[in-house]
C-alpha atoms as a PDB file:
ATOM      1  CA  MET A   1      -0.067   0.075  -0.003  1.00  0.00           C
ATOM      2  CA  ALA A   2       1.603   3.234  -0.889  1.00  0.00           C
ATOM      3  CA  ALA A   3       1.795   6.190   2.148  1.00  0.00           C
ATOM      4  CA  PRO A   4      -0.961   8.815   2.075  1.00  0.00           C
ATOM      5  CA  GLU A   5       0.096  12.272   0.846  1.00  0.00           C
ATOM      6  CA  GLY A   6       2.565  14.186   2.842  1.00  0.00           C
ATOM      7  CA  THR A   7       4.375  10.956   4.233  1.00  0.00           C
ATOM      8  CA  ALA A   8       7.325   9.030   3.503  1.00  0.00           C
ATOM      9  CA  GLY A   9       7.566   5.224   2.794  1.00  0.00           C
ATOM     10  CA  THR A  10       5.128   2.622   2.509  1.00  0.00           C
ATOM     11  CA  PHE A  11       3.403   1.253   5.132  1.00  0.00           C
ATOM     12  CA  GLN A  12       0.837  -2.326   5.620  1.00  0.00           C
ATOM     13  CA  ALA A  13      -2.592  -1.708   7.282  1.00  0.00           C
ATOM     14  CA  LEU A  14      -2.839  -4.290   9.894  1.00  0.00           C
ATOM     15  CA  GLU A  15      -6.677  -5.623  10.997  1.00  0.00           C
ATOM     16  CA  CYS A  16      -6.523  -4.988  15.025  1.00  0.00           C
ATOM     17  CA  GLY A  17     -10.252  -5.377  15.657  1.00  0.00           C
ATOM     18  CA  GLY A  18      -9.792  -8.596  17.792  1.00  0.00           C
ATOM     19  CA  ASP A  19      -7.910  -6.699  20.315  1.00  0.00           C
ATOM     20  CA  ASP A  20      -5.239  -9.188  20.336  1.00  0.00           C
ATOM     21  CA  PRO A  21      -2.107  -7.786  19.474  1.00  0.00           C
ATOM     22  CA  HIS A  22       0.415 -10.996  19.773  1.00  0.00           C
ATOM     23  CA  SER A  23      -1.907 -11.855  16.408  1.00  0.00           C
ATOM     24  CA  MET A  24      -0.354  -9.176  14.960  1.00  0.00           C
ATOM     25  CA  GLY A  25       3.052 -10.280  15.332  1.00  0.00           C
ATOM     26  CA  TRP A  26       3.664  -8.198  18.627  1.00  0.00           C
ATOM     27  CA  ALA A  27       5.927  -9.903  20.813  1.00  0.00           C
ATOM     28  CA  PRO A  28       4.416 -10.330  24.509  1.00  0.00           C
ATOM     29  CA  ILE A  29       5.476  -7.586  27.226  1.00  0.00           C
ATOM     30  CA  PRO A  30       7.441 -10.169  29.612  1.00  0.00           C
ATOM     31  CA  VAL A  31       6.732  -7.640  32.609  1.00  0.00           C
ATOM     32  CA  LEU A  32       2.766  -7.663  32.425  1.00  0.00           C
ATOM     33  CA  ARG A  33       3.091 -11.465  32.387  1.00  0.00           C
ATOM     34  CA  GLN A  34       5.393 -11.668  35.246  1.00  0.00           C
ATOM     35  CA  VAL A  35       3.222  -9.538  37.442  1.00  0.00           C
ATOM     36  CA  LEU A  36      -0.196 -11.469  36.316  1.00  0.00           C
ATOM     37  CA  ALA A  37       1.885 -14.626  37.340  1.00  0.00           C
ATOM     38  CA  THR A  38       3.199 -13.258  40.806  1.00  0.00           C
ATOM     39  CA  CYS A  39      -0.272 -12.158  41.651  1.00  0.00           C
ATOM     40  CA  VAL A  40      -1.872 -15.414  40.440  1.00  0.00           C
ATOM     41  CA  TYR A  41       1.044 -17.618  42.405  1.00  0.00           C
ATOM     42  CA  PRO A  42       1.903 -15.260  45.629  1.00  0.00           C
ATOM     43  CA  GLU A  43       4.641 -17.498  46.517  1.00  0.00           C
ATOM     44  CA  LEU A  44       6.829 -15.976  43.726  1.00  0.00           C
ATOM     45  CA  LEU A  45       6.814 -12.708  46.384  1.00  0.00           C
ATOM     46  CA  ASP A  46       9.593 -14.461  48.442  1.00  0.00           C
ATOM     47  CA  THR A  47      11.702 -15.528  45.759  1.00  0.00           C
ATOM     48  CA  ASP A  48      14.125 -14.018  42.997  1.00  0.00           C
ATOM     49  CA  THR A  49      12.346 -15.292  40.228  1.00  0.00           C
ATOM     50  CA  PHE A  50      11.296 -11.897  38.782  1.00  0.00           C
ATOM     51  CA  PRO A  51      12.780  -8.669  39.567  1.00  0.00           C
ATOM     52  CA  GLU A  52      12.079  -6.424  42.620  1.00  0.00           C
ATOM     53  CA  ALA A  53      10.073  -4.061  40.463  1.00  0.00           C
ATOM     54  CA  VAL A  54       7.893  -6.613  39.235  1.00  0.00           C
ATOM     55  CA  ARG A  55       7.232  -8.095  42.904  1.00  0.00           C
ATOM     56  CA  GLY A  56       6.844  -4.718  44.276  1.00  0.00           C
ATOM     57  CA  ARG A  57       4.072  -3.927  41.752  1.00  0.00           C
ATOM     58  CA  ALA A  58       2.508  -7.326  42.229  1.00  0.00           C
ATOM     59  CA  ARG A  59       2.292  -6.295  46.266  1.00  0.00           C
ATOM     60  CA  ARG A  60       0.849  -3.463  45.567  1.00  0.00           C
ATOM     61  CA  ILE A  61      -2.010  -5.175  43.525  1.00  0.00           C
ATOM     62  CA  LEU A  62      -2.542  -7.583  46.000  1.00  0.00           C
ATOM     63  CA  ARG A  63      -2.549  -4.963  48.614  1.00  0.00           C
ATOM     64  CA  GLU A  64      -5.329  -3.090  47.136  1.00  0.00           C
ATOM     65  CA  MET A  65      -7.599  -6.461  46.627  1.00  0.00           C
ATOM     66  CA  ASP A  66     -10.512  -6.652  49.042  1.00  0.00           C
ATOM     67  CA  SER A  67      -9.478 -10.227  49.731  1.00  0.00           C
ATOM     68  CA  GLY A  68      -5.539  -9.988  49.612  1.00  0.00           C
ATOM     69  CA  ASN A  69      -5.554 -11.960  46.196  1.00  0.00           C
ATOM     70  CA  ILE A  70      -6.823 -11.739  42.434  1.00  0.00           C
ATOM     71  CA  GLY A  71      -9.262 -14.862  42.728  1.00  0.00           C
ATOM     72  CA  GLY A  72     -11.945 -13.134  45.475  1.00  0.00           C
ATOM     73  CA  TYR A  73     -14.580 -10.789  44.438  1.00  0.00           C
ATOM     74  CA  ASN A  74     -12.691  -7.561  44.455  1.00  0.00           C
ATOM     75  CA  HIS A  75     -15.498  -4.791  43.873  1.00  0.00           C
ATOM     76  CA  GLU A  76     -13.243  -2.019  45.533  1.00  0.00           C
ATOM     77  CA  HIS A  77     -10.492  -2.791  43.115  1.00  0.00           C
ATOM     78  CA  ARG A  78     -12.836  -2.368  40.101  1.00  0.00           C
ATOM     79  CA  SER A  79     -14.800   0.626  41.573  1.00  0.00           C
ATOM     80  CA  ARG A  80     -12.206   2.683  43.219  1.00  0.00           C
ATOM     81  CA  CYS A  81      -8.597   1.872  42.904  1.00  0.00           C
ATOM     82  CA  VAL A  82      -8.109   1.466  38.983  1.00  0.00           C
ATOM     83  CA  PRO A  83     -10.109   4.226  38.082  1.00  0.00           C
ATOM     84  CA  GLU A  84      -8.032   6.360  40.544  1.00  0.00           C
ATOM     85  CA  ARG A  85      -4.836   5.348  38.882  1.00  0.00           C
ATOM     86  CA  VAL A  86      -6.188   5.972  35.510  1.00  0.00           C
ATOM     87  CA  SER A  87      -7.409   9.231  36.465  1.00  0.00           C
ATOM     88  CA  ARG A  88      -3.712  10.519  38.169  1.00  0.00           C
ATOM     89  CA  PHE A  89      -2.294   9.384  34.957  1.00  0.00           C
ATOM     90  CA  LEU A  90      -4.379  11.595  32.818  1.00  0.00           C
ATOM     91  CA  GLU A  91      -3.790  14.482  35.256  1.00  0.00           C
ATOM     92  CA  ARG A  92       0.100  13.782  34.556  1.00  0.00           C
ATOM     93  CA  ARG A  93      -0.320  13.229  31.135  1.00  0.00           C
ATOM     94  CA  ASP A  94      -2.722  15.881  30.316  1.00  0.00           C
ATOM     95  CA  GLY A  95      -2.017  18.759  32.786  1.00  0.00           C
ATOM     96  CA  ILE A  96      -5.867  19.004  33.530  1.00  0.00           C
ATOM     97  CA  PRO A  97      -7.836  17.744  36.536  1.00  0.00           C
ATOM     98  CA  SER A  98      -9.539  14.090  36.173  1.00  0.00           C
ATOM     99  CA  ASP A  99     -12.101  12.664  38.372  1.00  0.00           C
ATOM    100  CA  PRO A 100     -11.953   8.954  39.069  1.00  0.00           C
ATOM    101  CA  LYS A 101     -15.914   9.053  39.038  1.00  0.00           C
ATOM    102  CA  ASN A 102     -15.589   9.841  35.364  1.00  0.00           C
ATOM    103  CA  ILE A 103     -13.493   6.892  34.568  1.00  0.00           C
ATOM    104  CA  ILE A 104     -15.527   3.881  33.367  1.00  0.00           C
ATOM    105  CA  LEU A 105     -14.021   0.653  33.111  1.00  0.00           C
ATOM    106  CA  CYS A 106     -14.949  -2.018  30.603  1.00  0.00           C
ATOM    107  CA  SER A 107     -13.901  -4.826  28.431  1.00  0.00           C
ATOM    108  CA  GLY A 108     -13.320  -2.772  25.397  1.00  0.00           C
ATOM    109  CA  THR A 109     -15.008   0.281  23.441  1.00  0.00           C
ATOM    110  CA  THR A 110     -18.048  -2.034  21.964  1.00  0.00           C
ATOM    111  CA  SER A 111     -19.233  -3.576  25.151  1.00  0.00           C
ATOM    112  CA  ILE A 112     -19.707   0.259  26.346  1.00  0.00           C
ATOM    113  CA  LEU A 113     -20.937   2.135  23.117  1.00  0.00           C
ATOM    114  CA  PRO A 114     -24.826   2.423  22.904  1.00  0.00           C
ATOM    115  CA  ALA A 115     -26.679   0.270  20.568  1.00  0.00           C
ATOM    116  CA  LYS A 116     -28.561   3.328  19.427  1.00  0.00           C
ATOM    117  CA  LYS A 117     -27.573   7.467  19.412  1.00  0.00           C
ATOM    118  CA  MET A 118     -28.248   8.873  22.770  1.00  0.00           C
ATOM    119  CA  LYS A 119     -29.575  12.401  23.226  1.00  0.00           C
ATOM    120  CA  TYR A 120     -28.210  14.696  25.780  1.00  0.00           C
END
């Protein structure tokens, strides 16, 4: 495919609708898998299997869980901790105030888009 006018070189458009970057050839991000593995199997916190940064992040996540693990029902994590982190990130990135109450967590854009046009 030729590059759009005003750009150099060529590019190939990839279908990314499946929300699966690995199917698009992206390599897995090891740190995310390491943090998840440590949260799932907290015994890894007491080993040198993963770097301290990974274990520290896993400790923070587990502390924020209602049940102290990711296997229990963690309503507070869904409703408070993640939106708070997202809100603080947006404030740092954009330089404007962000209210965590305005952060809506969902599994993807299609799951939150209204089925019909809303009137505001």
